[in-house]
Amino acid sequence: MKDGIHPEYRPVIFKDLASGHMFVTKSTVQTKQTIKHEDGKEYPLFEIEISSASHPFFTGKQQLVDTAGRVERFKKKYNIK
């Protein structure tokens, strides 16, 4: 591999905004936020709108997650009242 062209591969905390669930995995995602984990180390934080902790397929229950007015845009697009 060439030096200096690959992004840094490091542990990152992903936080599900719908449920508040957090998990650590390795990623090359770029973020400016950091958070202290329960193991005492500080990790970069990346916030996601939905994960397996809040997705209806994995949880078995329907949740309405309305971020950035998606439901309203859908209703307006298809003229649903």
PDB file of N, CA and C in Angstrom:
ATOM      1  N   MET A   1       0.832  -1.185   0.000  1.00  0.00           N
ATOM      2  CA  MET A   1       0.000   0.000   0.000  1.00  0.00           C
ATOM      3  C   MET A   1       0.871   1.240   0.000  1.00  0.00           C
ATOM      4  N   LYS A   2       0.393   2.271  -0.646  1.00  0.00           N
ATOM      5  CA  LYS A   2       1.106   3.532  -0.668  1.00  0.00           C
ATOM      6  C   LYS A   2       0.904   4.261   0.649  1.00  0.00           C
ATOM      7  N   ASP A   3       1.945   4.935   1.111  1.00  0.00           N
ATOM      8  CA  ASP A   3       1.852   5.709   2.343  1.00  0.00           C
ATOM      9  C   ASP A   3       1.158   7.037   2.086  1.00  0.00           C
ATOM     10  N   GLY A   4       0.332   7.462   3.057  1.00  0.00           N
ATOM     11  CA  GLY A   4      -0.265   8.785   3.025  1.00  0.00           C
ATOM     12  C   GLY A   4      -1.524   8.946   2.196  1.00  0.00           C
ATOM     13  N   ILE A   5      -2.038   7.899   1.564  1.00  0.00           N
ATOM     14  CA  ILE A   5      -3.248   8.064   0.744  1.00  0.00           C
ATOM     15  C   ILE A   5      -4.480   7.396   1.363  1.00  0.00           C
ATOM     16  N   HIS A   6      -4.294   6.606   2.395  1.00  0.00           N
ATOM     17  CA  HIS A   6      -5.406   5.885   3.011  1.00  0.00           C
ATOM     18  C   HIS A   6      -5.883   6.619   4.265  1.00  0.00           C
ATOM     19  N   PRO A   7      -7.203   6.668   4.486  1.00  0.00           N
ATOM     20  CA  PRO A   7      -7.713   7.301   5.705  1.00  0.00           C
ATOM     21  C   PRO A   7      -7.357   6.467   6.934  1.00  0.00           C
ATOM     22  N   GLU A   8      -7.358   7.133   8.071  1.00  0.00           N
ATOM     23  CA  GLU A   8      -7.017   6.454   9.333  1.00  0.00           C
ATOM     24  C   GLU A   8      -8.142   5.496   9.722  1.00  0.00           C
ATOM     25  N   TYR A   9      -7.790   4.250  10.029  1.00  0.00           N
ATOM     26  CA  TYR A   9      -8.731   3.214  10.444  1.00  0.00           C
ATOM     27  C   TYR A   9      -8.596   3.080  11.951  1.00  0.00           C
ATOM     28  N   ARG A  10      -9.639   3.496  12.692  1.00  0.00           N
ATOM     29  CA  ARG A  10      -9.541   3.572  14.145  1.00  0.00           C
ATOM     30  C   ARG A  10     -10.882   3.226  14.786  1.00  0.00           C
ATOM     31  N   PRO A  11     -10.894   2.961  16.095  1.00  0.00           N
ATOM     32  CA  PRO A  11     -12.166   2.727  16.785  1.00  0.00           C
ATOM     33  C   PRO A  11     -12.994   4.008  16.845  1.00  0.00           C
ATOM     34  N   VAL A  12     -14.284   3.879  16.583  1.00  0.00           N
ATOM     35  CA  VAL A  12     -15.216   5.006  16.587  1.00  0.00           C
ATOM     36  C   VAL A  12     -16.482   4.572  17.307  1.00  0.00           C
ATOM     37  N   ILE A  13     -17.087   5.487  18.082  1.00  0.00           N
ATOM     38  CA  ILE A  13     -18.375   5.210  18.713  1.00  0.00           C
ATOM     39  C   ILE A  13     -19.469   5.732  17.794  1.00  0.00           C
ATOM     40  N   PHE A  14     -20.426   4.862  17.469  1.00  0.00           N
ATOM     41  CA  PHE A  14     -21.598   5.240  16.701  1.00  0.00           C
ATOM     42  C   PHE A  14     -22.765   5.351  17.664  1.00  0.00           C
ATOM     43  N   LYS A  15     -23.475   6.478  17.634  1.00  0.00           N
ATOM     44  CA  LYS A  15     -24.613   6.702  18.529  1.00  0.00           C
ATOM     45  C   LYS A  15     -25.888   6.800  17.715  1.00  0.00           C
ATOM     46  N   ASP A  16     -26.848   5.949  18.034  1.00  0.00           N
ATOM     47  CA  ASP A  16     -28.156   5.946  17.399  1.00  0.00           C
ATOM     48  C   ASP A  16     -28.983   7.067  18.024  1.00  0.00           C
ATOM     49  N   LEU A  17     -29.367   8.059  17.228  1.00  0.00           N
ATOM     50  CA  LEU A  17     -30.124   9.195  17.741  1.00  0.00           C
ATOM     51  C   LEU A  17     -31.551   8.825  18.110  1.00  0.00           C
ATOM     52  N   ALA A  18     -32.110   7.794  17.495  1.00  0.00           N
ATOM     53  CA  ALA A  18     -33.486   7.395  17.771  1.00  0.00           C
ATOM     54  C   ALA A  18     -33.613   6.688  19.117  1.00  0.00           C
ATOM     55  N   SER A  19     -32.640   5.851  19.473  1.00  0.00           N
ATOM     56  CA  SER A  19     -32.749   5.077  20.704  1.00  0.00           C
ATOM     57  C   SER A  19     -31.705   5.446  21.751  1.00  0.00           C
ATOM     58  N   GLY A  20     -30.652   6.131  21.363  1.00  0.00           N
ATOM     59  CA  GLY A  20     -29.590   6.480  22.308  1.00  0.00           C
ATOM     60  C   GLY A  20     -28.556   5.389  22.470  1.00  0.00           C
ATOM     61  N   HIS A  21     -28.723   4.270  21.787  1.00  0.00           N
ATOM     62  CA  HIS A  21     -27.792   3.145  21.876  1.00  0.00           C
ATOM     63  C   HIS A  21     -26.448   3.528  21.244  1.00  0.00           C
ATOM     64  N   MET A  22     -25.354   3.153  21.904  1.00  0.00           N
ATOM     65  CA  MET A  22     -24.019   3.432  21.375  1.00  0.00           C
ATOM     66  C   MET A  22     -23.233   2.138  21.263  1.00  0.00           C
ATOM     67  N   PHE A  23     -22.403   2.039  20.217  1.00  0.00           N
ATOM     68  CA  PHE A  23     -21.534   0.884  20.059  1.00  0.00           C
ATOM     69  C   PHE A  23     -20.221   1.326  19.440  1.00  0.00           C
ATOM     70  N   VAL A  24     -19.163   0.564  19.745  1.00  0.00           N
ATOM     71  CA  VAL A  24     -17.820   0.870  19.259  1.00  0.00           C
ATOM     72  C   VAL A  24     -17.461  -0.116  18.156  1.00  0.00           C
ATOM     73  N   THR A  25     -16.965   0.406  17.066  1.00  0.00           N
ATOM     74  CA  THR A  25     -16.467  -0.412  15.974  1.00  0.00           C
ATOM     75  C   THR A  25     -15.376   0.372  15.274  1.00  0.00           C
ATOM     76  N   LYS A  26     -14.620  -0.289  14.430  1.00  0.00           N
ATOM     77  CA  LYS A  26     -13.572   0.406  13.696  1.00  0.00           C
ATOM     78  C   LYS A  26     -14.127   0.980  12.409  1.00  0.00           C
ATOM     79  N   SER A  27     -13.659   2.186  12.057  1.00  0.00           N
ATOM     80  CA  SER A  27     -14.150   2.863  10.875  1.00  0.00           C
ATOM     81  C   SER A  27     -13.147   3.913  10.419  1.00  0.00           C
ATOM     82  N   THR A  28     -13.339   4.377   9.183  1.00  0.00           N
ATOM     83  CA  THR A  28     -12.533   5.475   8.652  1.00  0.00           C
ATOM     84  C   THR A  28     -13.343   6.758   8.580  1.00  0.00           C
ATOM     85  N   VAL A  29     -14.544   6.773   9.143  1.00  0.00           N
ATOM     86  CA  VAL A  29     -15.412   7.943   9.095  1.00  0.00           C
ATOM     87  C   VAL A  29     -14.727   9.135   9.773  1.00  0.00           C
ATOM     88  N   GLN A  30     -14.892  10.314   9.156  1.00  0.00           N
ATOM     89  CA  GLN A  30     -14.293  11.531   9.692  1.00  0.00           C
ATOM     90  C   GLN A  30     -15.319  12.257  10.559  1.00  0.00           C
ATOM     91  N   THR A  31     -14.921  12.645  11.767  1.00  0.00           N
ATOM     92  CA  THR A  31     -15.800  13.355  12.681  1.00  0.00           C
ATOM     93  C   THR A  31     -14.977  14.260  13.584  1.00  0.00           C
ATOM     94  N   LYS A  32     -15.603  15.332  14.060  1.00  0.00           N
ATOM     95  CA  LYS A  32     -14.915  16.264  14.949  1.00  0.00           C
ATOM     96  C   LYS A  32     -15.338  16.089  16.391  1.00  0.00           C
ATOM     97  N   GLN A  33     -16.438  15.354  16.625  1.00  0.00           N
ATOM     98  CA  GLN A  33     -16.938  15.130  17.975  1.00  0.00           C
ATOM     99  C   GLN A  33     -16.197  13.975  18.632  1.00  0.00           C
ATOM    100  N   THR A  34     -16.036  14.060  19.953  1.00  0.00           N
ATOM    101  CA  THR A  34     -15.464  12.959  20.719  1.00  0.00           C
ATOM    102  C   THR A  34     -16.337  12.722  21.948  1.00  0.00           C
ATOM    103  N   ILE A  35     -16.207  11.532  22.515  1.00  0.00           N
ATOM    104  CA  ILE A  35     -16.968  11.176  23.705  1.00  0.00           C
ATOM    105  C   ILE A  35     -16.135  10.201  24.531  1.00  0.00           C
ATOM    106  N   LYS A  36     -16.300  10.273  25.844  1.00  0.00           N
ATOM    107  CA  LYS A  36     -15.601   9.357  26.734  1.00  0.00           C
ATOM    108  C   LYS A  36     -16.462   8.108  26.911  1.00  0.00           C
ATOM    109  N   HIS A  37     -15.888   6.951  26.656  1.00  0.00           N
ATOM    110  CA  HIS A  37     -16.606   5.677  26.743  1.00  0.00           C
ATOM    111  C   HIS A  37     -16.510   5.139  28.164  1.00  0.00           C
ATOM    112  N   GLU A  38     -17.315   4.129  28.471  1.00  0.00           N
ATOM    113  CA  GLU A  38     -17.334   3.545  29.817  1.00  0.00           C
ATOM    114  C   GLU A  38     -16.021   2.867  30.188  1.00  0.00           C
ATOM    115  N   ASP A  39     -15.166   2.570  29.203  1.00  0.00           N
ATOM    116  CA  ASP A  39     -13.860   1.981  29.511  1.00  0.00           C
ATOM    117  C   ASP A  39     -12.826   3.046  29.883  1.00  0.00           C
ATOM    118  N   GLY A  40     -13.236   4.335  29.891  1.00  0.00           N
ATOM    119  CA  GLY A  40     -12.354   5.414  30.304  1.00  0.00           C
ATOM    120  C   GLY A  40     -11.596   6.074  29.162  1.00  0.00           C
ATOM    121  N   LYS A  41     -11.652   5.509  27.971  1.00  0.00           N
ATOM    122  CA  LYS A  41     -10.950   6.073  26.824  1.00  0.00           C
ATOM    123  C   LYS A  41     -11.866   7.043  26.073  1.00  0.00           C
ATOM    124  N   GLU A  42     -11.241   7.983  25.377  1.00  0.00           N
ATOM    125  CA  GLU A  42     -11.990   8.930  24.569  1.00  0.00           C
ATOM    126  C   GLU A  42     -11.927   8.501  23.110  1.00  0.00           C
ATOM    127  N   TYR A  43     -13.103   8.450  22.467  1.00  0.00           N
ATOM    128  CA  TYR A  43     -13.214   8.001  21.090  1.00  0.00           C
ATOM    129  C   TYR A  43     -13.910   9.062  20.244  1.00  0.00           C
ATOM    130  N   PRO A  44     -13.672   9.058  18.937  1.00  0.00           N
ATOM    131  CA  PRO A  44     -14.467   9.908  18.042  1.00  0.00           C
ATOM    132  C   PRO A  44     -15.919   9.441  18.062  1.00  0.00           C
ATOM    133  N   LEU A  45     -16.857  10.382  17.950  1.00  0.00           N
ATOM    134  CA  LEU A  45     -18.288  10.076  17.990  1.00  0.00           C
ATOM    135  C   LEU A  45     -18.908  10.395  16.641  1.00  0.00           C
ATOM    136  N   PHE A  46     -19.699   9.443  16.114  1.00  0.00           N
ATOM    137  CA  PHE A  46     -20.439   9.646  14.878  1.00  0.00           C
ATOM    138  C   PHE A  46     -21.897   9.331  15.168  1.00  0.00           C
ATOM    139  N   GLU A  47     -22.784  10.306  14.932  1.00  0.00           N
ATOM    140  CA  GLU A  47     -24.204  10.128  15.214  1.00  0.00           C
ATOM    141  C   GLU A  47     -24.932   9.647  13.964  1.00  0.00           C
ATOM    142  N   ILE A  48     -25.742   8.598  14.138  1.00  0.00           N
ATOM    143  CA  ILE A  48     -26.519   8.031  13.040  1.00  0.00           C
ATOM    144  C   ILE A  48     -28.004   8.117  13.389  1.00  0.00           C
ATOM    145  N   GLU A  49     -28.846   8.200  12.372  1.00  0.00           N
ATOM    146  CA  GLU A  49     -30.274   8.360  12.611  1.00  0.00           C
ATOM    147  C   GLU A  49     -30.965   7.062  13.006  1.00  0.00           C
ATOM    148  N   ILE A  50     -30.478   5.934  12.497  1.00  0.00           N
ATOM    149  CA  ILE A  50     -31.134   4.659  12.785  1.00  0.00           C
ATOM    150  C   ILE A  50     -30.095   3.545  12.734  1.00  0.00           C
ATOM    151  N   SER A  51     -30.252   2.564  13.619  1.00  0.00           N
ATOM    152  CA  SER A  51     -29.363   1.400  13.639  1.00  0.00           C
ATOM    153  C   SER A  51     -30.205   0.172  13.960  1.00  0.00           C
ATOM    154  N   SER A  52     -29.560  -0.934  14.176  1.00  0.00           N
ATOM    155  CA  SER A  52     -30.303  -2.154  14.497  1.00  0.00           C
ATOM    156  C   SER A  52     -31.031  -2.036  15.837  1.00  0.00           C
ATOM    157  N   ALA A  53     -30.613  -1.105  16.690  1.00  0.00           N
ATOM    158  CA  ALA A  53     -31.278  -0.911  17.978  1.00  0.00           C
ATOM    159  C   ALA A  53     -32.626  -0.211  17.839  1.00  0.00           C
ATOM    160  N   SER A  54     -32.857   0.492  16.723  1.00  0.00           N
ATOM    161  CA  SER A  54     -34.118   1.205  16.564  1.00  0.00           C
ATOM    162  C   SER A  54     -34.854   0.858  15.274  1.00  0.00           C
ATOM    163  N   HIS A  55     -34.276   0.043  14.408  1.00  0.00           N
ATOM    164  CA  HIS A  55     -34.927  -0.305  13.145  1.00  0.00           C
ATOM    165  C   HIS A  55     -36.031  -1.331  13.384  1.00  0.00           C
ATOM    166  N   PRO A  56     -37.220  -1.126  12.802  1.00  0.00           N
ATOM    167  CA  PRO A  56     -38.348  -2.036  13.038  1.00  0.00           C
ATOM    168  C   PRO A  56     -38.073  -3.487  12.655  1.00  0.00           C
ATOM    169  N   PHE A  57     -37.253  -3.731  11.656  1.00  0.00           N
ATOM    170  CA  PHE A  57     -36.953  -5.105  11.264  1.00  0.00           C
ATOM    171  C   PHE A  57     -36.268  -5.861  12.393  1.00  0.00           C
ATOM    172  N   PHE A  58     -35.383  -5.210  13.114  1.00  0.00           N
ATOM    173  CA  PHE A  58     -34.631  -5.866  14.185  1.00  0.00           C
ATOM    174  C   PHE A  58     -35.353  -5.821  15.520  1.00  0.00           C
ATOM    175  N   THR A  59     -36.144  -4.774  15.770  1.00  0.00           N
ATOM    176  CA  THR A  59     -36.809  -4.644  17.073  1.00  0.00           C
ATOM    177  C   THR A  59     -38.175  -5.313  17.105  1.00  0.00           C
ATOM    178  N   GLY A  60     -38.803  -5.479  15.945  1.00  0.00           N
ATOM    179  CA  GLY A  60     -40.118  -6.099  15.901  1.00  0.00           C
ATOM    180  C   GLY A  60     -41.251  -5.149  16.203  1.00  0.00           C
ATOM    181  N   LYS A  61     -40.965  -3.874  16.386  1.00  0.00           N
ATOM    182  CA  LYS A  61     -42.020  -2.891  16.623  1.00  0.00           C
ATOM    183  C   LYS A  61     -41.765  -1.658  15.771  1.00  0.00           C
ATOM    184  N   GLN A  62     -42.854  -1.034  15.363  1.00  0.00           N
ATOM    185  CA  GLN A  62     -42.774   0.128  14.488  1.00  0.00           C
ATOM    186  C   GLN A  62     -42.519   1.382  15.312  1.00  0.00           C
ATOM    187  N   GLN A  63     -41.537   2.174  14.904  1.00  0.00           N
ATOM    188  CA  GLN A  63     -41.258   3.453  15.517  1.00  0.00           C
ATOM    189  C   GLN A  63     -41.278   4.505  14.433  1.00  0.00           C
ATOM    190  N   LEU A  64     -41.861   5.641  14.719  1.00  0.00           N
ATOM    191  CA  LEU A  64     -41.845   6.741  13.774  1.00  0.00           C
ATOM    192  C   LEU A  64     -40.670   7.639  14.134  1.00  0.00           C
ATOM    193  N   VAL A  65     -39.683   7.679  13.270  1.00  0.00           N
ATOM    194  CA  VAL A  65     -38.513   8.512  13.477  1.00  0.00           C
ATOM    195  C   VAL A  65     -38.578   9.620  12.433  1.00  0.00           C
ATOM    196  N   ASP A  66     -38.964  10.798  12.858  1.00  0.00           N
ATOM    197  CA  ASP A  66     -39.121  11.922  11.942  1.00  0.00           C
ATOM    198  C   ASP A  66     -37.963  12.890  12.136  1.00  0.00           C
ATOM    199  N   THR A  67     -36.943  12.743  11.322  1.00  0.00           N
ATOM    200  CA  THR A  67     -35.833  13.678  11.366  1.00  0.00           C
ATOM    201  C   THR A  67     -35.835  14.470  10.080  1.00  0.00           C
ATOM    202  N   ALA A  68     -35.725  15.745  10.212  1.00  0.00           N
ATOM    203  CA  ALA A  68     -35.679  16.678   9.083  1.00  0.00           C
ATOM    204  C   ALA A  68     -36.981  16.692   8.282  1.00  0.00           C
ATOM    205  N   GLY A  69     -38.124  16.376   8.924  1.00  0.00           N
ATOM    206  CA  GLY A  69     -39.421  16.510   8.272  1.00  0.00           C
ATOM    207  C   GLY A  69     -39.675  15.540   7.148  1.00  0.00           C
ATOM    208  N   ARG A  70     -39.182  14.332   7.225  1.00  0.00           N
ATOM    209  CA  ARG A  70     -39.346  13.368   6.131  1.00  0.00           C
ATOM    210  C   ARG A  70     -40.798  12.983   5.913  1.00  0.00           C
ATOM    211  N   VAL A  71     -41.542  12.833   6.984  1.00  0.00           N
ATOM    212  CA  VAL A  71     -42.945  12.444   6.857  1.00  0.00           C
ATOM    213  C   VAL A  71     -43.718  13.554   6.154  1.00  0.00           C
ATOM    214  N   GLU A  72     -43.480  14.805   6.536  1.00  0.00           N
ATOM    215  CA  GLU A  72     -44.174  15.926   5.911  1.00  0.00           C
ATOM    216  C   GLU A  72     -43.819  16.035   4.432  1.00  0.00           C
ATOM    217  N   ARG A  73     -42.562  15.835   4.076  1.00  0.00           N
ATOM    218  CA  ARG A  73     -42.153  15.891   2.663  1.00  0.00           C
ATOM    219  C   ARG A  73     -42.836  14.791   1.862  1.00  0.00           C
ATOM    220  N   PHE A  74     -42.936  13.598   2.436  1.00  0.00           N
ATOM    221  CA  PHE A  74     -43.607  12.485   1.753  1.00  0.00           C
ATOM    222  C   PHE A  74     -45.075  12.807   1.521  1.00  0.00           C
ATOM    223  N   LYS A  75     -45.734  13.294   2.573  1.00  0.00           N
ATOM    224  CA  LYS A  75     -47.157  13.628   2.450  1.00  0.00           C
ATOM    225  C   LYS A  75     -47.378  14.737   1.431  1.00  0.00           C
ATOM    226  N   LYS A  76     -46.495  15.727   1.407  1.00  0.00           N
ATOM    227  CA  LYS A  76     -46.621  16.822   0.453  1.00  0.00           C
ATOM    228  C   LYS A  76     -46.378  16.326  -0.976  1.00  0.00           C
ATOM    229  N   LYS A  77     -45.393  15.463  -1.140  1.00  0.00           N
ATOM    230  CA  LYS A  77     -45.040  14.956  -2.460  1.00  0.00           C
ATOM    231  C   LYS A  77     -46.195  14.167  -3.082  1.00  0.00           C
ATOM    232  N   TYR A  78     -46.856  13.352  -2.282  1.00  0.00           N
ATOM    233  CA  TYR A  78     -47.919  12.499  -2.790  1.00  0.00           C
ATOM    234  C   TYR A  78     -49.321  13.037  -2.439  1.00  0.00           C
ATOM    235  N   ASN A  79     -49.368  14.285  -1.977  1.00  0.00           N
ATOM    236  CA  ASN A  79     -50.614  14.978  -1.672  1.00  0.00           C
ATOM    237  C   ASN A  79     -51.503  14.159  -0.730  1.00  0.00           C
ATOM    238  N   ILE A  80     -50.915  13.688   0.364  1.00  0.00           N
ATOM    239  CA  ILE A  80     -51.632  12.895   1.366  1.00  0.00           C
ATOM    240  C   ILE A  80     -51.961  13.827   2.545  1.00  0.00           C
ATOM    241  N   LYS A  81     -53.205  13.745   3.005  1.00  0.00           N
ATOM    242  CA  LYS A  81     -53.605  14.610   4.135  1.00  0.00           C
ATOM    243  C   LYS A  81     -53.826  13.819   5.378  1.00  0.00           C
TER     244      LYS A  81
END
